Amino acid sequence: MEATNGSNKEKSLFELFLLIFIPTIITTSVYIFIGYLHNAIPSLLLFFICTLFILFPIELGIIIYASKKEYGRYSLKSAFSRQEKMSWLKISLYGIALFAISGIGYVAVAPLENYLLAPVANQLAQLTPEYFNWNNLEYLKQYSKDIIL
């Protein structure tokens, strides 16, 4: 339901896609660009660094800006508004139920996913440089133990 006043208007689907995909496209682009230029640190560590210093601040800024627009001050209130208070027992039960559902879904879908997407995954693996393969443990041996830890 869309509100009538300007400050509480719901975002359009296009605006939501922009808010979701622009920050991730920027983060992924920087990750790939730095990974191709300089591979002084493991690619997984580079991914976490890009996420910490690019994606997280952008997403936090979006939330803080939305709070400023909605409530007139910078805060995280818009991220947590309109949330009902729940007991710890209810939160725990929801968490356990969702964890169980995701496990069942993984077990049920994984074989089908492997069967359908194996050819695509093999093609992508051939095109992707070794630096970006997070499963290649032999490649990680070139880094010092201090960097890996």
C-alpha atoms as a PDB file:
ATOM      1  CA  MET A   1       0.000   0.000   0.000  1.00  0.00           C
ATOM      2  CA  GLU A   2       1.422   3.355  -1.024  1.00  0.00           C
ATOM      3  CA  ALA A   3       1.239   6.276   1.365  1.00  0.00           C
ATOM      4  CA  THR A   4       0.018   9.636   0.114  1.00  0.00           C
ATOM      5  CA  ASN A   5       2.532  11.985   1.714  1.00  0.00           C
ATOM      6  CA  GLY A   6       5.959  12.344   0.145  1.00  0.00           C
ATOM      7  CA  SER A   7       8.088  11.299   3.099  1.00  0.00           C
ATOM      8  CA  ASN A   8       6.552   7.850   3.546  1.00  0.00           C
ATOM      9  CA  LYS A   9       6.178   6.849  -0.097  1.00  0.00           C
ATOM     10  CA  GLU A  10       7.008   3.250  -0.849  1.00  0.00           C
ATOM     11  CA  LYS A  11       9.867   2.660  -3.247  1.00  0.00           C
ATOM     12  CA  SER A  12       9.071   1.539  -6.756  1.00  0.00           C
ATOM     13  CA  LEU A  13      10.319  -1.840  -7.890  1.00  0.00           C
ATOM     14  CA  PHE A  14      12.905  -0.151 -10.131  1.00  0.00           C
ATOM     15  CA  GLU A  15      14.233   1.955  -7.234  1.00  0.00           C
ATOM     16  CA  LEU A  16      14.508  -1.152  -5.068  1.00  0.00           C
ATOM     17  CA  PHE A  17      16.474  -2.956  -7.768  1.00  0.00           C
ATOM     18  CA  LEU A  18      18.824   0.030  -8.019  1.00  0.00           C
ATOM     19  CA  LEU A  19      19.308   0.121  -4.239  1.00  0.00           C
ATOM     20  CA  ILE A  20      20.087  -3.587  -4.239  1.00  0.00           C
ATOM     21  CA  PHE A  21      22.193  -4.030  -7.358  1.00  0.00           C
ATOM     22  CA  ILE A  22      24.168  -0.764  -7.743  1.00  0.00           C
ATOM     23  CA  PRO A  23      26.165  -1.248  -4.499  1.00  0.00           C
ATOM     24  CA  THR A  24      26.801  -4.917  -5.292  1.00  0.00           C
ATOM     25  CA  ILE A  25      27.866  -4.111  -8.858  1.00  0.00           C
ATOM     26  CA  ILE A  26      30.294  -1.477  -7.551  1.00  0.00           C
ATOM     27  CA  THR A  27      31.719  -3.892  -4.951  1.00  0.00           C
ATOM     28  CA  THR A  28      32.063  -6.735  -7.454  1.00  0.00           C
ATOM     29  CA  SER A  29      33.701  -4.453 -10.035  1.00  0.00           C
ATOM     30  CA  VAL A  30      36.281  -3.222  -7.530  1.00  0.00           C
ATOM     31  CA  TYR A  31      36.920  -6.813  -6.380  1.00  0.00           C
ATOM     32  CA  ILE A  32      37.525  -8.032  -9.931  1.00  0.00           C
ATOM     33  CA  PHE A  33      39.570  -4.970 -10.909  1.00  0.00           C
ATOM     34  CA  ILE A  34      41.881  -5.194  -7.886  1.00  0.00           C
ATOM     35  CA  GLY A  35      42.070  -8.993  -8.229  1.00  0.00           C
ATOM     36  CA  TYR A  36      43.280  -8.734 -11.821  1.00  0.00           C
ATOM     37  CA  LEU A  37      45.780  -5.984 -11.049  1.00  0.00           C
ATOM     38  CA  HIS A  38      47.320  -7.184  -7.849  1.00  0.00           C
ATOM     39  CA  ASN A  39      47.045 -10.546  -6.141  1.00  0.00           C
ATOM     40  CA  ALA A  40      49.096  -9.858  -3.012  1.00  0.00           C
ATOM     41  CA  ILE A  41      46.371 -11.186  -0.743  1.00  0.00           C
ATOM     42  CA  PRO A  42      44.063 -14.197  -1.137  1.00  0.00           C
ATOM     43  CA  SER A  43      40.952 -13.514  -3.183  1.00  0.00           C
ATOM     44  CA  LEU A  44      38.578 -14.424  -0.362  1.00  0.00           C
ATOM     45  CA  LEU A  45      40.284 -11.892   1.915  1.00  0.00           C
ATOM     46  CA  LEU A  46      40.062  -9.288  -0.858  1.00  0.00           C
ATOM     47  CA  PHE A  47      36.354 -10.040  -1.177  1.00  0.00           C
ATOM     48  CA  PHE A  48      35.803  -9.476   2.553  1.00  0.00           C
ATOM     49  CA  ILE A  49      37.834  -6.255   2.475  1.00  0.00           C
ATOM     50  CA  CYS A  50      35.795  -4.930  -0.472  1.00  0.00           C
ATOM     51  CA  THR A  51      32.591  -5.851   1.317  1.00  0.00           C
ATOM     52  CA  LEU A  52      33.695  -4.205   4.555  1.00  0.00           C
ATOM     53  CA  PHE A  53      34.948  -0.956   3.014  1.00  0.00           C
ATOM     54  CA  ILE A  54      32.606  -0.556   0.020  1.00  0.00           C
ATOM     55  CA  LEU A  55      29.357  -2.512   0.307  1.00  0.00           C
ATOM     56  CA  PHE A  56      28.759  -2.126   4.039  1.00  0.00           C
ATOM     57  CA  PRO A  57      29.227   1.692   4.122  1.00  0.00           C
ATOM     58  CA  ILE A  58      27.020   2.184   1.043  1.00  0.00           C
ATOM     59  CA  GLU A  59      24.214   0.047   2.474  1.00  0.00           C
ATOM     60  CA  LEU A  60      24.537   1.718   5.874  1.00  0.00           C
ATOM     61  CA  GLY A  61      24.404   5.111   4.159  1.00  0.00           C
ATOM     62  CA  ILE A  62      21.205   4.120   2.355  1.00  0.00           C
ATOM     63  CA  ILE A  63      19.579   3.161   5.670  1.00  0.00           C
ATOM     64  CA  ILE A  64      20.757   6.341   7.415  1.00  0.00           C
ATOM     65  CA  TYR A  65      19.554   8.495   4.502  1.00  0.00           C
ATOM     66  CA  ALA A  66      16.153   6.771   4.553  1.00  0.00           C
ATOM     67  CA  SER A  67      15.886   7.507   8.287  1.00  0.00           C
ATOM     68  CA  LYS A  68      16.714  11.170   7.638  1.00  0.00           C
ATOM     69  CA  LYS A  69      13.990  11.373   5.000  1.00  0.00           C
ATOM     70  CA  GLU A  70      11.419   9.520   7.070  1.00  0.00           C
ATOM     71  CA  TYR A  71      12.108  10.747  10.607  1.00  0.00           C
ATOM     72  CA  GLY A  72      14.057  13.976  10.097  1.00  0.00           C
ATOM     73  CA  ARG A  73      17.307  12.819  11.710  1.00  0.00           C
ATOM     74  CA  TYR A  74      20.160  10.508  10.872  1.00  0.00           C
ATOM     75  CA  SER A  75      19.727   7.139  12.580  1.00  0.00           C
ATOM     76  CA  LEU A  76      19.120   3.444  11.957  1.00  0.00           C
ATOM     77  CA  LYS A  77      15.460   3.772  12.940  1.00  0.00           C
ATOM     78  CA  SER A  78      14.087   3.149   9.435  1.00  0.00           C
ATOM     79  CA  ALA A  79      15.788  -0.253   9.386  1.00  0.00           C
ATOM     80  CA  PHE A  80      14.033  -1.332  12.571  1.00  0.00           C
ATOM     81  CA  SER A  81      10.723   0.533  12.448  1.00  0.00           C
ATOM     82  CA  ARG A  82       7.413  -1.267  12.210  1.00  0.00           C
ATOM     83  CA  GLN A  83       8.886  -4.363  13.851  1.00  0.00           C
ATOM     84  CA  GLU A  84       6.891  -6.222  16.465  1.00  0.00           C
ATOM     85  CA  LYS A  85       8.564  -7.213  19.710  1.00  0.00           C
ATOM     86  CA  MET A  86       9.068 -10.970  19.964  1.00  0.00           C
ATOM     87  CA  SER A  87      10.110 -13.172  22.830  1.00  0.00           C
ATOM     88  CA  TRP A  88      13.458 -14.966  22.749  1.00  0.00           C
ATOM     89  CA  LEU A  89      11.656 -18.300  22.619  1.00  0.00           C
ATOM     90  CA  LYS A  90       9.727 -17.278  19.519  1.00  0.00           C
ATOM     91  CA  ILE A  91      12.891 -15.934  17.863  1.00  0.00           C
ATOM     92  CA  SER A  92      14.731 -19.179  18.651  1.00  0.00           C
ATOM     93  CA  LEU A  93      11.905 -21.338  17.322  1.00  0.00           C
ATOM     94  CA  TYR A  94      11.716 -19.295  14.108  1.00  0.00           C
ATOM     95  CA  GLY A  95      15.488 -19.580  13.720  1.00  0.00           C
ATOM     96  CA  ILE A  96      15.477 -23.348  14.212  1.00  0.00           C
ATOM     97  CA  ALA A  97      12.522 -23.765  11.839  1.00  0.00           C
ATOM     98  CA  LEU A  98      14.131 -21.629   9.116  1.00  0.00           C
ATOM     99  CA  PHE A  99      17.458 -23.431   9.550  1.00  0.00           C
ATOM    100  CA  ALA A 100      15.693 -26.801   9.177  1.00  0.00           C
ATOM    101  CA  ILE A 101      13.748 -25.645   6.114  1.00  0.00           C
ATOM    102  CA  SER A 102      16.922 -24.335   4.463  1.00  0.00           C
ATOM    103  CA  GLY A 103      18.717 -27.624   5.203  1.00  0.00           C
ATOM    104  CA  ILE A 104      15.885 -29.671   3.712  1.00  0.00           C
ATOM    105  CA  GLY A 105      15.802 -27.340   0.703  1.00  0.00           C
ATOM    106  CA  TYR A 106      19.542 -27.676   0.210  1.00  0.00           C
ATOM    107  CA  VAL A 107      19.421 -31.472   0.387  1.00  0.00           C
ATOM    108  CA  ALA A 108      16.474 -31.594  -2.018  1.00  0.00           C
ATOM    109  CA  VAL A 109      17.708 -29.032  -4.550  1.00  0.00           C
ATOM    110  CA  ALA A 110      21.488 -29.668  -4.563  1.00  0.00           C
ATOM    111  CA  PRO A 111      21.430 -32.783  -6.769  1.00  0.00           C
ATOM    112  CA  LEU A 112      19.094 -31.127  -9.269  1.00  0.00           C
ATOM    113  CA  GLU A 113      21.200 -27.967  -9.258  1.00  0.00           C
ATOM    114  CA  ASN A 114      24.408 -29.949  -9.829  1.00  0.00           C
ATOM    115  CA  TYR A 115      22.797 -31.857 -12.677  1.00  0.00           C
ATOM    116  CA  LEU A 116      21.387 -28.785 -14.436  1.00  0.00           C
ATOM    117  CA  LEU A 117      24.180 -26.307 -13.810  1.00  0.00           C
ATOM    118  CA  ALA A 118      27.287 -28.519 -14.000  1.00  0.00           C
ATOM    119  CA  PRO A 119      27.971 -27.685 -17.672  1.00  0.00           C
ATOM    120  CA  VAL A 120      27.671 -23.948 -16.985  1.00  0.00           C
ATOM    121  CA  ALA A 121      29.852 -24.214 -13.864  1.00  0.00           C
ATOM    122  CA  ASN A 122      32.542 -26.080 -15.818  1.00  0.00           C
ATOM    123  CA  GLN A 123      32.550 -23.425 -18.550  1.00  0.00           C
ATOM    124  CA  LEU A 124      32.845 -20.637 -15.972  1.00  0.00           C
ATOM    125  CA  ALA A 125      35.629 -22.483 -14.143  1.00  0.00           C
ATOM    126  CA  GLN A 126      37.647 -22.629 -17.368  1.00  0.00           C
ATOM    127  CA  LEU A 127      37.165 -18.895 -17.993  1.00  0.00           C
ATOM    128  CA  THR A 128      37.894 -17.743 -14.442  1.00  0.00           C
ATOM    129  CA  PRO A 129      41.512 -17.078 -13.455  1.00  0.00           C
ATOM    130  CA  GLU A 130      42.949 -19.232 -10.660  1.00  0.00           C
ATOM    131  CA  TYR A 131      43.115 -16.230  -8.348  1.00  0.00           C
ATOM    132  CA  PHE A 132      39.313 -16.069  -8.111  1.00  0.00           C
ATOM    133  CA  ASN A 133      38.845 -19.791  -7.382  1.00  0.00           C
ATOM    134  CA  TRP A 134      38.176 -19.938  -3.635  1.00  0.00           C
ATOM    135  CA  ASN A 135      38.372 -23.746  -3.612  1.00  0.00           C
ATOM    136  CA  ASN A 136      41.931 -23.971  -4.924  1.00  0.00           C
ATOM    137  CA  LEU A 137      43.890 -24.690  -1.753  1.00  0.00           C
ATOM    138  CA  GLU A 138      47.121 -25.296  -3.656  1.00  0.00           C
ATOM    139  CA  TYR A 139      47.016 -21.714  -4.930  1.00  0.00           C
ATOM    140  CA  LEU A 140      46.784 -20.443  -1.353  1.00  0.00           C
ATOM    141  CA  LYS A 141      50.170 -22.002  -0.510  1.00  0.00           C
ATOM    142  CA  GLN A 142      51.928 -19.103  -2.246  1.00  0.00           C
ATOM    143  CA  TYR A 143      50.828 -16.745   0.552  1.00  0.00           C
ATOM    144  CA  SER A 144      52.567 -16.543   3.908  1.00  0.00           C
ATOM    145  CA  LYS A 145      50.865 -18.080   6.918  1.00  0.00           C
ATOM    146  CA  ASP A 146      50.491 -14.609   8.469  1.00  0.00           C
ATOM    147  CA  ILE A 147      48.430 -13.375   5.509  1.00  0.00           C
ATOM    148  CA  ILE A 148      46.254 -16.491   5.439  1.00  0.00           C
ATOM    149  CA  LEU A 149      45.611 -16.307   9.187  1.00  0.00           C
END
